[in-house]
Amino acid sequence: MKHLAAYLLLNLAGNASPSASDIETVLSSVGIESDSSRVESLLKELEGKDIQTLIAEGSQKLASVPSGGAGGAAASSGAAAGGAAAADEKVEEKEEEKEESDDDMGFGLFD
Protein backbone atom coordinates (compact mmCIF):
# COMPACT_ATOMS: atom_id res chain seq x y z
CA MET A 1 0.00 0.00 0.00
CA LYS A 2 2.84 2.40 0.84
CA HIS A 3 4.38 1.81 -2.57
CA LEU A 4 1.09 2.58 -4.30
CA ALA A 5 0.64 5.70 -2.18
CA ALA A 6 4.11 6.93 -3.18
CA TYR A 7 3.32 6.18 -6.84
CA LEU A 8 0.07 8.14 -6.62
CA LEU A 9 1.78 11.07 -4.90
CA LEU A 10 4.37 11.23 -7.65
CA ASN A 11 1.65 10.99 -10.29
CA LEU A 12 -0.32 13.76 -8.60
CA ALA A 13 2.83 15.91 -8.55
CA GLY A 14 3.07 15.63 -12.34
CA ASN A 15 5.33 12.60 -12.82
CA ALA A 16 3.17 10.59 -15.24
CA SER A 17 5.36 7.49 -15.06
CA PRO A 18 7.39 7.31 -11.84
CA SER A 19 10.40 5.03 -11.78
CA ALA A 20 11.41 2.61 -9.03
CA SER A 21 14.04 5.06 -7.80
CA ASP A 22 11.44 7.85 -7.64
CA ILE A 23 9.20 5.69 -5.44
CA GLU A 24 12.12 4.65 -3.24
CA THR A 25 13.16 8.30 -2.86
CA VAL A 26 9.67 9.33 -1.71
CA LEU A 27 9.47 6.49 0.80
CA SER A 28 12.97 7.06 2.17
CA SER A 29 12.21 10.77 2.62
CA VAL A 30 9.71 9.81 5.33
CA GLY A 31 11.83 7.05 6.84
CA ILE A 32 10.18 4.05 5.18
CA GLU A 33 12.23 1.26 3.65
CA SER A 34 10.91 0.10 0.31
CA ASP A 35 10.81 -3.43 -1.01
CA SER A 36 12.31 -3.39 -4.51
CA SER A 37 10.44 -6.52 -5.60
CA ARG A 38 7.10 -4.95 -4.64
CA VAL A 39 8.01 -1.72 -6.42
CA GLU A 40 8.89 -3.63 -9.58
CA SER A 41 5.65 -5.64 -9.33
CA LEU A 42 3.64 -2.44 -8.90
CA LEU A 43 5.31 -0.81 -11.89
CA LYS A 44 4.61 -3.88 -14.06
CA GLU A 45 0.93 -3.85 -13.04
CA LEU A 46 0.51 -0.15 -13.74
CA GLU A 47 2.59 0.00 -16.92
CA GLY A 48 0.65 1.63 -19.75
CA LYS A 49 -2.46 2.22 -17.64
CA ASP A 50 -4.12 5.56 -16.88
CA ILE A 51 -4.34 6.18 -13.13
CA GLN A 52 -7.54 8.22 -13.37
CA THR A 53 -9.27 5.38 -15.23
CA LEU A 54 -8.10 2.84 -12.64
CA ILE A 55 -9.38 5.01 -9.80
CA ALA A 56 -12.77 5.42 -11.50
CA GLU A 57 -13.06 1.66 -12.08
CA GLY A 58 -12.11 0.98 -8.47
CA SER A 59 -14.69 3.45 -7.20
CA GLN A 60 -17.41 1.70 -9.21
CA LYS A 61 -16.39 -1.66 -7.76
CA LEU A 62 -16.44 -0.27 -4.22
CA ALA A 63 -19.88 1.25 -4.75
CA SER A 64 -21.29 -2.18 -5.58
CA VAL A 65 -19.99 -3.77 -2.36
CA PRO A 66 -22.62 -3.85 0.39
CA SER A 67 -21.32 -2.06 3.44
CA GLY A 68 -23.96 -3.26 5.94
CA GLY A 69 -23.98 -2.16 9.52
CA ALA A 70 -26.77 0.39 9.14
CA GLY A 71 -28.62 -0.99 12.17
CA GLY A 72 -25.47 -0.78 14.24
CA ALA A 73 -24.97 2.82 13.22
CA ALA A 74 -28.47 3.74 14.39
CA ALA A 75 -27.92 1.97 17.68
CA SER A 76 -24.56 3.66 18.08
CA SER A 77 -26.01 7.09 17.39
CA GLY A 78 -28.78 6.39 19.91
CA ALA A 79 -26.22 5.37 22.52
CA ALA A 80 -24.15 8.42 21.68
CA ALA A 81 -27.18 10.66 22.12
CA GLY A 82 -27.88 9.06 25.51
CA GLY A 83 -24.25 9.53 26.47
CA ALA A 84 -24.37 13.15 25.38
CA ALA A 85 -27.49 13.75 27.50
CA ALA A 86 -25.78 12.22 30.52
CA ALA A 87 -22.73 14.41 29.91
CA ASP A 88 -24.97 17.50 29.69
CA GLU A 89 -26.54 16.61 33.03
CA LYS A 90 -23.12 16.30 34.64
CA VAL A 91 -22.09 19.70 33.26
CA GLU A 92 -25.28 21.26 34.64
CA GLU A 93 -24.65 19.69 38.06
CA LYS A 94 -21.11 21.08 38.11
CA GLU A 95 -22.36 24.53 37.17
CA GLU A 96 -24.92 24.43 39.99
CA GLU A 97 -22.23 23.41 42.44
CA LYS A 98 -20.11 26.36 41.33
CA GLU A 99 -22.97 28.78 41.84
CA GLU A 100 -23.66 27.42 45.33
CA SER A 101 -20.09 27.61 46.54
CA ASP A 102 -18.74 30.99 47.56
CA ASP A 103 -15.08 30.66 46.62
CA ASP A 104 -14.42 34.39 46.98
CA MET A 105 -16.40 34.61 50.25
CA GLY A 106 -18.28 37.66 49.04
CA PHE A 107 -15.21 39.69 48.16
CA GLY A 108 -14.40 40.62 44.60
CA LEU A 109 -10.95 41.19 43.19
CA PHE A 110 -11.50 44.91 42.76
CA ASP A 111 -13.89 45.71 45.69
C-alpha atoms as a PDB file:
ATOM      1  CA  MET A   1       0.000   0.000   0.000  1.00  0.00           C
ATOM      2  CA  LYS A   2       2.836   2.405   0.840  1.00  0.00           C
ATOM      3  CA  HIS A   3       4.381   1.811  -2.568  1.00  0.00           C
ATOM      4  CA  LEU A   4       1.095   2.575  -4.298  1.00  0.00           C
ATOM      5  CA  ALA A   5       0.642   5.703  -2.182  1.00  0.00           C
ATOM      6  CA  ALA A   6       4.105   6.927  -3.179  1.00  0.00           C
ATOM      7  CA  TYR A   7       3.320   6.179  -6.839  1.00  0.00           C
ATOM      8  CA  LEU A   8       0.073   8.138  -6.619  1.00  0.00           C
ATOM      9  CA  LEU A   9       1.776  11.073  -4.903  1.00  0.00           C
ATOM     10  CA  LEU A  10       4.369  11.227  -7.652  1.00  0.00           C
ATOM     11  CA  ASN A  11       1.648  10.994 -10.287  1.00  0.00           C
ATOM     12  CA  LEU A  12      -0.320  13.761  -8.599  1.00  0.00           C
ATOM     13  CA  ALA A  13       2.828  15.905  -8.554  1.00  0.00           C
ATOM     14  CA  GLY A  14       3.073  15.629 -12.335  1.00  0.00           C
ATOM     15  CA  ASN A  15       5.328  12.603 -12.819  1.00  0.00           C
ATOM     16  CA  ALA A  16       3.167  10.593 -15.238  1.00  0.00           C
ATOM     17  CA  SER A  17       5.361   7.494 -15.058  1.00  0.00           C
ATOM     18  CA  PRO A  18       7.389   7.311 -11.841  1.00  0.00           C
ATOM     19  CA  SER A  19      10.402   5.025 -11.778  1.00  0.00           C
ATOM     20  CA  ALA A  20      11.406   2.606  -9.031  1.00  0.00           C
ATOM     21  CA  SER A  21      14.038   5.056  -7.798  1.00  0.00           C
ATOM     22  CA  ASP A  22      11.437   7.849  -7.636  1.00  0.00           C
ATOM     23  CA  ILE A  23       9.202   5.691  -5.438  1.00  0.00           C
ATOM     24  CA  GLU A  24      12.116   4.651  -3.241  1.00  0.00           C
ATOM     25  CA  THR A  25      13.158   8.304  -2.858  1.00  0.00           C
ATOM     26  CA  VAL A  26       9.675   9.329  -1.709  1.00  0.00           C
ATOM     27  CA  LEU A  27       9.467   6.492   0.798  1.00  0.00           C
ATOM     28  CA  SER A  28      12.971   7.063   2.167  1.00  0.00           C
ATOM     29  CA  SER A  29      12.206  10.773   2.619  1.00  0.00           C
ATOM     30  CA  VAL A  30       9.713   9.811   5.331  1.00  0.00           C
ATOM     31  CA  GLY A  31      11.833   7.054   6.841  1.00  0.00           C
ATOM     32  CA  ILE A  32      10.176   4.053   5.184  1.00  0.00           C
ATOM     33  CA  GLU A  33      12.226   1.263   3.653  1.00  0.00           C
ATOM     34  CA  SER A  34      10.913   0.102   0.308  1.00  0.00           C
ATOM     35  CA  ASP A  35      10.813  -3.426  -1.012  1.00  0.00           C
ATOM     36  CA  SER A  36      12.307  -3.390  -4.507  1.00  0.00           C
ATOM     37  CA  SER A  37      10.436  -6.522  -5.596  1.00  0.00           C
ATOM     38  CA  ARG A  38       7.096  -4.950  -4.642  1.00  0.00           C
ATOM     39  CA  VAL A  39       8.013  -1.721  -6.417  1.00  0.00           C
ATOM     40  CA  GLU A  40       8.886  -3.626  -9.582  1.00  0.00           C
ATOM     41  CA  SER A  41       5.653  -5.636  -9.332  1.00  0.00           C
ATOM     42  CA  LEU A  42       3.641  -2.441  -8.903  1.00  0.00           C
ATOM     43  CA  LEU A  43       5.310  -0.805 -11.888  1.00  0.00           C
ATOM     44  CA  LYS A  44       4.612  -3.875 -14.064  1.00  0.00           C
ATOM     45  CA  GLU A  45       0.931  -3.853 -13.040  1.00  0.00           C
ATOM     46  CA  LEU A  46       0.509  -0.147 -13.745  1.00  0.00           C
ATOM     47  CA  GLU A  47       2.594  -0.002 -16.917  1.00  0.00           C
ATOM     48  CA  GLY A  48       0.648   1.629 -19.753  1.00  0.00           C
ATOM     49  CA  LYS A  49      -2.463   2.224 -17.644  1.00  0.00           C
ATOM     50  CA  ASP A  50      -4.115   5.557 -16.876  1.00  0.00           C
ATOM     51  CA  ILE A  51      -4.335   6.181 -13.133  1.00  0.00           C
ATOM     52  CA  GLN A  52      -7.541   8.224 -13.367  1.00  0.00           C
ATOM     53  CA  THR A  53      -9.269   5.384 -15.227  1.00  0.00           C
ATOM     54  CA  LEU A  54      -8.099   2.838 -12.639  1.00  0.00           C
ATOM     55  CA  ILE A  55      -9.376   5.014  -9.801  1.00  0.00           C
ATOM     56  CA  ALA A  56     -12.768   5.424 -11.497  1.00  0.00           C
ATOM     57  CA  GLU A  57     -13.055   1.656 -12.080  1.00  0.00           C
ATOM     58  CA  GLY A  58     -12.106   0.975  -8.469  1.00  0.00           C
ATOM     59  CA  SER A  59     -14.692   3.453  -7.204  1.00  0.00           C
ATOM     60  CA  GLN A  60     -17.412   1.703  -9.212  1.00  0.00           C
ATOM     61  CA  LYS A  61     -16.393  -1.657  -7.757  1.00  0.00           C
ATOM     62  CA  LEU A  62     -16.439  -0.273  -4.215  1.00  0.00           C
ATOM     63  CA  ALA A  63     -19.875   1.255  -4.754  1.00  0.00           C
ATOM     64  CA  SER A  64     -21.294  -2.184  -5.578  1.00  0.00           C
ATOM     65  CA  VAL A  65     -19.986  -3.766  -2.357  1.00  0.00           C
ATOM     66  CA  PRO A  66     -22.619  -3.847   0.389  1.00  0.00           C
ATOM     67  CA  SER A  67     -21.318  -2.059   3.445  1.00  0.00           C
ATOM     68  CA  GLY A  68     -23.961  -3.256   5.939  1.00  0.00           C
ATOM     69  CA  GLY A  69     -23.980  -2.162   9.525  1.00  0.00           C
ATOM     70  CA  ALA A  70     -26.769   0.386   9.140  1.00  0.00           C
ATOM     71  CA  GLY A  71     -28.618  -0.989  12.165  1.00  0.00           C
ATOM     72  CA  GLY A  72     -25.469  -0.776  14.239  1.00  0.00           C
ATOM     73  CA  ALA A  73     -24.972   2.821  13.216  1.00  0.00           C
ATOM     74  CA  ALA A  74     -28.473   3.737  14.386  1.00  0.00           C
ATOM     75  CA  ALA A  75     -27.920   1.966  17.679  1.00  0.00           C
ATOM     76  CA  SER A  76     -24.559   3.663  18.079  1.00  0.00           C
ATOM     77  CA  SER A  77     -26.011   7.088  17.395  1.00  0.00           C
ATOM     78  CA  GLY A  78     -28.784   6.394  19.910  1.00  0.00           C
ATOM     79  CA  ALA A  79     -26.225   5.374  22.519  1.00  0.00           C
ATOM     80  CA  ALA A  80     -24.146   8.420  21.678  1.00  0.00           C
ATOM     81  CA  ALA A  81     -27.180  10.662  22.123  1.00  0.00           C
ATOM     82  CA  GLY A  82     -27.878   9.058  25.509  1.00  0.00           C
ATOM     83  CA  GLY A  83     -24.246   9.529  26.468  1.00  0.00           C
ATOM     84  CA  ALA A  84     -24.374  13.154  25.378  1.00  0.00           C
ATOM     85  CA  ALA A  85     -27.488  13.752  27.495  1.00  0.00           C
ATOM     86  CA  ALA A  86     -25.776  12.224  30.525  1.00  0.00           C
ATOM     87  CA  ALA A  87     -22.726  14.411  29.912  1.00  0.00           C
ATOM     88  CA  ASP A  88     -24.968  17.500  29.687  1.00  0.00           C
ATOM     89  CA  GLU A  89     -26.542  16.614  33.030  1.00  0.00           C
ATOM     90  CA  LYS A  90     -23.116  16.304  34.636  1.00  0.00           C
ATOM     91  CA  VAL A  91     -22.093  19.701  33.265  1.00  0.00           C
ATOM     92  CA  GLU A  92     -25.280  21.258  34.641  1.00  0.00           C
ATOM     93  CA  GLU A  93     -24.649  19.689  38.057  1.00  0.00           C
ATOM     94  CA  LYS A  94     -21.113  21.077  38.107  1.00  0.00           C
ATOM     95  CA  GLU A  95     -22.364  24.533  37.167  1.00  0.00           C
ATOM     96  CA  GLU A  96     -24.924  24.427  39.985  1.00  0.00           C
ATOM     97  CA  GLU A  97     -22.228  23.411  42.441  1.00  0.00           C
ATOM     98  CA  LYS A  98     -20.107  26.358  41.327  1.00  0.00           C
ATOM     99  CA  GLU A  99     -22.968  28.778  41.840  1.00  0.00           C
ATOM    100  CA  GLU A 100     -23.665  27.422  45.325  1.00  0.00           C
ATOM    101  CA  SER A 101     -20.089  27.611  46.538  1.00  0.00           C
ATOM    102  CA  ASP A 102     -18.742  30.986  47.556  1.00  0.00           C
ATOM    103  CA  ASP A 103     -15.077  30.662  46.619  1.00  0.00           C
ATOM    104  CA  ASP A 104     -14.424  34.394  46.985  1.00  0.00           C
ATOM    105  CA  MET A 105     -16.398  34.609  50.249  1.00  0.00           C
ATOM    106  CA  GLY A 106     -18.280  37.657  49.039  1.00  0.00           C
ATOM    107  CA  PHE A 107     -15.209  39.692  48.160  1.00  0.00           C
ATOM    108  CA  GLY A 108     -14.399  40.615  44.598  1.00  0.00           C
ATOM    109  CA  LEU A 109     -10.946  41.186  43.191  1.00  0.00           C
ATOM    110  CA  PHE A 110     -11.495  44.915  42.765  1.00  0.00           C
ATOM    111  CA  ASP A 111     -13.890  45.709  45.687  1.00  0.00           C
END
